[in-house]
C-alpha atoms as a PDB file:
ATOM      1  CA  MET A   1       7.359  39.956 -55.565  1.00  0.00           C
ATOM      2  CA  GLN A   2       6.326  43.305 -57.026  1.00  0.00           C
ATOM      3  CA  ILE A   3       2.716  44.288 -56.501  1.00  0.00           C
ATOM      4  CA  LEU A   4       0.275  46.970 -57.517  1.00  0.00           C
ATOM      5  CA  LYS A   5       1.452  48.093 -60.921  1.00  0.00           C
ATOM      6  CA  ALA A   6      -1.508  49.854 -62.470  1.00  0.00           C
ATOM      7  CA  ARG A   7      -2.563  48.508 -65.837  1.00  0.00           C
ATOM      8  CA  LYS A   8      -4.655  50.729 -68.041  1.00  0.00           C
ATOM      9  CA  SER A   9      -6.435  48.914 -70.851  1.00  0.00           C
ATOM     10  CA  ALA A  10      -9.978  48.136 -71.923  1.00  0.00           C
ATOM     11  CA  ASN A  11      -9.878  44.833 -70.020  1.00  0.00           C
ATOM     12  CA  ASP A  12      -8.763  46.330 -66.709  1.00  0.00           C
ATOM     13  CA  TYR A  13     -12.158  47.277 -65.363  1.00  0.00           C
ATOM     14  CA  LEU A  14     -15.413  45.393 -65.603  1.00  0.00           C
ATOM     15  CA  VAL A  15     -18.797  46.255 -64.129  1.00  0.00           C
ATOM     16  CA  SER A  16     -18.122  44.751 -60.697  1.00  0.00           C
ATOM     17  CA  PRO A  17     -14.801  45.617 -59.029  1.00  0.00           C
ATOM     18  CA  LEU A  18     -15.317  42.604 -56.733  1.00  0.00           C
ATOM     19  CA  ARG A  19     -15.276  40.305 -59.748  1.00  0.00           C
ATOM     20  CA  PHE A  20     -12.203  41.665 -61.512  1.00  0.00           C
ATOM     21  CA  VAL A  21      -9.500  43.577 -59.657  1.00  0.00           C
ATOM     22  CA  ARG A  22      -6.932  43.694 -62.453  1.00  0.00           C
ATOM     23  CA  PHE A  23      -5.348  46.955 -61.394  1.00  0.00           C
ATOM     24  CA  LEU A  24      -4.091  45.427 -58.117  1.00  0.00           C
ATOM     25  CA  VAL A  25      -2.428  42.372 -59.627  1.00  0.00           C
ATOM     26  CA  THR A  26       1.261  41.555 -59.409  1.00  0.00           C
ATOM     27  CA  THR A  27       3.475  41.911 -62.484  1.00  0.00           C
ATOM     28  CA  SER A  28       6.319  39.667 -61.289  1.00  0.00           C
ATOM     29  CA  CYS A  29       6.814  36.868 -58.793  1.00  0.00           C
ATOM     30  CA  ARG A  30       9.200  34.206 -57.517  1.00  0.00           C
ATOM     31  CA  ALA A  31       9.391  31.018 -59.547  1.00  0.00           C
ATOM     32  CA  VAL A  32      11.401  27.816 -59.700  1.00  0.00           C
ATOM     33  CA  VAL A  33      12.902  27.897 -63.183  1.00  0.00           C
ATOM     34  CA  LEU A  34      14.451  25.138 -65.290  1.00  0.00           C
ATOM     35  CA  PRO A  35      17.166  26.854 -67.399  1.00  0.00           C
ATOM     36  CA  ARG A  36      18.527  23.535 -68.783  1.00  0.00           C
ATOM     37  CA  PHE A  37      17.788  19.843 -68.404  1.00  0.00           C
ATOM     38  CA  GLY A  38      19.487  17.808 -65.669  1.00  0.00           C
ATOM     39  CA  GLY A  39      19.201  16.789 -62.033  1.00  0.00           C
ATOM     40  CA  PRO A  40      17.629  18.780 -59.203  1.00  0.00           C
ATOM     41  CA  GLU A  41      20.725  20.986 -59.033  1.00  0.00           C
ATOM     42  CA  VAL A  42      19.793  22.762 -62.296  1.00  0.00           C
ATOM     43  CA  LEU A  43      16.630  24.282 -60.804  1.00  0.00           C
ATOM     44  CA  GLU A  44      16.890  27.980 -59.931  1.00  0.00           C
ATOM     45  CA  VAL A  45      14.683  30.126 -57.723  1.00  0.00           C
ATOM     46  CA  ARG A  46      14.314  33.434 -59.536  1.00  0.00           C
ATOM     47  CA  PRO A  47      12.870  36.398 -57.635  1.00  0.00           C
ATOM     48  CA  ASN A  48      11.403  38.460 -60.489  1.00  0.00           C
ATOM     49  CA  VAL A  49       9.788  36.309 -63.158  1.00  0.00           C
ATOM     50  CA  GLU A  50       7.230  38.226 -65.205  1.00  0.00           C
ATOM     51  CA  VAL A  51       3.566  37.354 -64.721  1.00  0.00           C
ATOM     52  CA  PRO A  52       1.968  37.344 -68.195  1.00  0.00           C
ATOM     53  CA  ASP A  53      -1.149  39.332 -69.048  1.00  0.00           C
ATOM     54  CA  LEU A  54      -4.295  37.234 -69.005  1.00  0.00           C
ATOM     55  CA  LYS A  55      -6.137  36.137 -72.115  1.00  0.00           C
ATOM     56  CA  PRO A  56      -9.943  36.408 -71.901  1.00  0.00           C
ATOM     57  CA  ASN A  57     -10.393  32.769 -70.746  1.00  0.00           C
ATOM     58  CA  GLU A  58      -7.510  32.728 -68.248  1.00  0.00           C
ATOM     59  CA  VAL A  59      -7.301  32.960 -64.473  1.00  0.00           C
ATOM     60  CA  LEU A  60      -4.385  34.182 -62.367  1.00  0.00           C
ATOM     61  CA  VAL A  61      -4.035  31.960 -59.293  1.00  0.00           C
ATOM     62  CA  ARG A  62      -2.086  32.958 -56.190  1.00  0.00           C
ATOM     63  CA  THR A  63      -0.334  29.714 -55.296  1.00  0.00           C
ATOM     64  CA  ARG A  64      -0.918  28.181 -51.863  1.00  0.00           C
ATOM     65  CA  ALA A  65       0.346  24.648 -52.639  1.00  0.00           C
ATOM     66  CA  VAL A  66       1.689  22.658 -55.579  1.00  0.00           C
ATOM     67  CA  SER A  67       2.555  19.009 -55.906  1.00  0.00           C
ATOM     68  CA  ILE A  68       5.581  17.355 -57.434  1.00  0.00           C
ATOM     69  CA  ASN A  69       4.714  14.440 -59.636  1.00  0.00           C
ATOM     70  CA  PRO A  70       6.736  12.088 -61.841  1.00  0.00           C
ATOM     71  CA  LEU A  71       6.038  14.132 -64.980  1.00  0.00           C
ATOM     72  CA  ASP A  72       7.844  17.105 -63.435  1.00  0.00           C
ATOM     73  CA  THR A  73      10.967  15.102 -62.565  1.00  0.00           C
ATOM     74  CA  ARG A  74      10.959  13.422 -65.983  1.00  0.00           C
ATOM     75  CA  MET A  75      10.652  16.776 -67.747  1.00  0.00           C
ATOM     76  CA  ARG A  76      13.471  18.199 -65.612  1.00  0.00           C
ATOM     77  CA  SER A  77      15.652  15.277 -66.729  1.00  0.00           C
ATOM     78  CA  GLY A  78      14.919  15.856 -70.421  1.00  0.00           C
ATOM     79  CA  TYR A  79      11.637  14.093 -71.199  1.00  0.00           C
ATOM     80  CA  GLY A  80      10.084  16.002 -74.093  1.00  0.00           C
ATOM     81  CA  ARG A  81      13.422  17.614 -74.938  1.00  0.00           C
ATOM     82  CA  SER A  82      12.555  17.971 -78.634  1.00  0.00           C
ATOM     83  CA  ILE A  83       9.480  20.019 -77.729  1.00  0.00           C
ATOM     84  CA  PHE A  84      10.722  21.969 -74.717  1.00  0.00           C
ATOM     85  CA  GLU A  85      14.443  22.628 -75.321  1.00  0.00           C
ATOM     86  CA  PRO A  86      13.819  25.537 -77.728  1.00  0.00           C
ATOM     87  CA  LEU A  87      11.475  27.039 -75.107  1.00  0.00           C
ATOM     88  CA  LEU A  88      13.910  26.999 -72.151  1.00  0.00           C
ATOM     89  CA  PRO A  89      13.832  28.358 -69.504  1.00  0.00           C
ATOM     90  CA  LEU A  90      10.657  26.634 -68.282  1.00  0.00           C
ATOM     91  CA  ILE A  91       8.662  26.714 -65.086  1.00  0.00           C
ATOM     92  CA  LEU A  92       7.757  23.151 -64.103  1.00  0.00           C
ATOM     93  CA  GLY A  93       4.679  22.044 -62.195  1.00  0.00           C
ATOM     94  CA  ARG A  94       1.200  20.982 -63.259  1.00  0.00           C
ATOM     95  CA  ASP A  95      -0.933  20.698 -60.096  1.00  0.00           C
ATOM     96  CA  ILE A  96      -1.933  23.731 -58.023  1.00  0.00           C
ATOM     97  CA  SER A  97      -4.203  24.919 -55.250  1.00  0.00           C
ATOM     98  CA  GLY A  98      -4.660  28.567 -54.387  1.00  0.00           C
ATOM     99  CA  GLU A  99      -6.935  31.536 -54.702  1.00  0.00           C
ATOM    100  CA  VAL A 100      -8.083  33.501 -57.721  1.00  0.00           C
ATOM    101  CA  ALA A 101      -6.131  36.771 -57.973  1.00  0.00           C
ATOM    102  CA  ALA A 102      -7.585  37.958 -61.306  1.00  0.00           C
ATOM    103  CA  VAL A 103      -9.765  36.681 -64.122  1.00  0.00           C
ATOM    104  CA  GLY A 104      -9.865  37.304 -67.856  1.00  0.00           C
ATOM    105  CA  ALA A 105     -12.773  39.177 -69.422  1.00  0.00           C
ATOM    106  CA  SER A 106     -14.719  36.060 -70.486  1.00  0.00           C
ATOM    107  CA  VAL A 107     -14.312  34.044 -67.258  1.00  0.00           C
ATOM    108  CA  ARG A 108     -17.739  33.491 -65.682  1.00  0.00           C
ATOM    109  CA  SER A 109     -17.464  30.515 -63.306  1.00  0.00           C
ATOM    110  CA  LEU A 110     -14.718  31.824 -60.983  1.00  0.00           C
ATOM    111  CA  THR A 111     -14.321  35.045 -59.004  1.00  0.00           C
ATOM    112  CA  VAL A 112     -11.463  36.954 -57.389  1.00  0.00           C
ATOM    113  CA  GLY A 113     -10.724  35.597 -53.910  1.00  0.00           C
ATOM    114  CA  GLN A 114     -12.286  32.182 -54.576  1.00  0.00           C
ATOM    115  CA  GLU A 115     -10.224  29.134 -53.536  1.00  0.00           C
ATOM    116  CA  VAL A 116      -9.548  26.794 -56.462  1.00  0.00           C
ATOM    117  CA  PHE A 117      -7.450  23.817 -57.497  1.00  0.00           C
ATOM    118  CA  GLY A 118      -6.567  22.275 -60.834  1.00  0.00           C
ATOM    119  CA  ALA A 119      -3.902  21.217 -63.274  1.00  0.00           C
ATOM    120  CA  LEU A 120      -2.197  22.574 -66.359  1.00  0.00           C
ATOM    121  CA  HIS A 121      -1.947  20.626 -69.597  1.00  0.00           C
ATOM    122  CA  PRO A 122       1.224  18.457 -69.682  1.00  0.00           C
ATOM    123  CA  THR A 123       2.748  20.555 -72.478  1.00  0.00           C
ATOM    124  CA  ALA A 124       2.388  23.918 -70.707  1.00  0.00           C
ATOM    125  CA  VAL A 125       5.636  25.912 -70.751  1.00  0.00           C
ATOM    126  CA  ARG A 126       4.809  28.075 -67.743  1.00  0.00           C
ATOM    127  CA  GLY A 127       3.999  25.745 -64.862  1.00  0.00           C
ATOM    128  CA  THR A 128       2.807  26.108 -61.289  1.00  0.00           C
ATOM    129  CA  TYR A 129       6.110  26.286 -59.372  1.00  0.00           C
ATOM    130  CA  ALA A 130       5.626  30.023 -58.882  1.00  0.00           C
ATOM    131  CA  ASP A 131       3.914  32.439 -56.513  1.00  0.00           C
ATOM    132  CA  TYR A 132       1.348  33.062 -59.279  1.00  0.00           C
ATOM    133  CA  ALA A 133       0.266  30.775 -62.103  1.00  0.00           C
ATOM    134  CA  VAL A 134      -1.969  31.302 -65.123  1.00  0.00           C
ATOM    135  CA  LEU A 135      -4.482  28.578 -65.992  1.00  0.00           C
ATOM    136  CA  SER A 136      -7.519  28.508 -68.240  1.00  0.00           C
ATOM    137  CA  GLU A 137     -10.924  28.608 -66.594  1.00  0.00           C
ATOM    138  CA  ASP A 138     -11.476  25.000 -67.732  1.00  0.00           C
ATOM    139  CA  GLU A 139      -8.362  23.793 -65.887  1.00  0.00           C
ATOM    140  CA  LEU A 140      -9.666  24.919 -62.479  1.00  0.00           C
ATOM    141  CA  THR A 141     -12.489  24.008 -60.129  1.00  0.00           C
ATOM    142  CA  PRO A 142     -13.597  25.434 -56.777  1.00  0.00           C
ATOM    143  CA  LYS A 143     -11.749  23.904 -53.803  1.00  0.00           C
ATOM    144  CA  PRO A 144     -14.015  22.375 -51.170  1.00  0.00           C
ATOM    145  CA  VAL A 145     -13.638  24.097 -47.787  1.00  0.00           C
ATOM    146  CA  SER A 146     -13.066  20.703 -46.144  1.00  0.00           C
ATOM    147  CA  VAL A 147      -9.941  20.033 -48.256  1.00  0.00           C
ATOM    148  CA  THR A 148      -6.598  21.688 -47.441  1.00  0.00           C
ATOM    149  CA  HIS A 149      -4.583  23.407 -50.158  1.00  0.00           C
ATOM    150  CA  ALA A 150      -1.836  20.779 -49.767  1.00  0.00           C
ATOM    151  CA  ASP A 151      -4.315  17.935 -50.265  1.00  0.00           C
ATOM    152  CA  ALA A 152      -6.088  19.680 -53.146  1.00  0.00           C
ATOM    153  CA  SER A 153      -2.813  20.250 -55.002  1.00  0.00           C
ATOM    154  CA  ALA A 154      -2.087  16.515 -54.894  1.00  0.00           C
ATOM    155  CA  ILE A 155      -5.397  15.502 -56.478  1.00  0.00           C
ATOM    156  CA  PRO A 156      -5.500  16.547 -60.172  1.00  0.00           C
ATOM    157  CA  PHE A 157      -2.826  14.525 -61.983  1.00  0.00           C
ATOM    158  CA  ALA A 158      -3.031  11.564 -59.588  1.00  0.00           C
ATOM    159  CA  ALA A 159      -6.815  11.402 -59.958  1.00  0.00           C
ATOM    160  CA  LEU A 160      -6.647  11.710 -63.748  1.00  0.00           C
ATOM    161  CA  THR A 161      -4.032   8.954 -63.876  1.00  0.00           C
ATOM    162  CA  ALA A 162      -6.211   6.648 -61.771  1.00  0.00           C
ATOM    163  CA  TRP A 163      -9.312   7.462 -63.842  1.00  0.00           C
ATOM    164  CA  ARG A 164      -7.447   6.813 -67.088  1.00  0.00           C
ATOM    165  CA  ALA A 165      -6.100   3.492 -65.789  1.00  0.00           C
ATOM    166  CA  LEU A 166      -9.586   2.349 -64.814  1.00  0.00           C
ATOM    167  CA  LYS A 167     -11.391   3.706 -67.861  1.00  0.00           C
ATOM    168  CA  CYS A 168      -8.865   3.146 -70.643  1.00  0.00           C
ATOM    169  CA  ALA A 169      -6.468   0.392 -69.583  1.00  0.00           C
ATOM    170  CA  ALA A 170      -8.895  -1.718 -67.518  1.00  0.00           C
ATOM    171  CA  ARG A 171     -11.861  -0.714 -69.725  1.00  0.00           C
ATOM    172  CA  MET A 172     -14.130  -0.313 -66.724  1.00  0.00           C
ATOM    173  CA  SER A 173     -17.549   1.157 -67.331  1.00  0.00           C
ATOM    174  CA  GLU A 174     -20.749   1.888 -65.418  1.00  0.00           C
ATOM    175  CA  GLY A 175     -22.626  -1.070 -64.032  1.00  0.00           C
END
């Protein structure tokens, strides 16, 4: 992991240095990369994957825990090949728990150092199996202190699947 590359642009410094510490953010990190579809043996740990610059609504999360769910193993095996094959190599992973390392200029609900958890959209090309992941502000929520990072990383997709089953398939409603 390479750290502390200074970035000099209009978005690097906001009014409060406690809110946005862009100039101390990593530019590359370790990641588990999927260079081609197949079994677990095709996954590669790469030591210097570039961390993209943040868009105004994005948050850089320092990963503390991720979960492996069936979507990840299906994608690794070729699910969504027509969409993802032209985009290889990919970083798999949807669920994450960690701490905010940097925020985009328009992010208002999260701050640097705050513990968060969340999930990426299923079609995201750059997933969470990395030391740092980029998610939109809307894909994250503050992590309760009483919940471990490991437990928090297992919640998002599993909870959404359960909610969808109850709401959509079983047509459950209030009352």
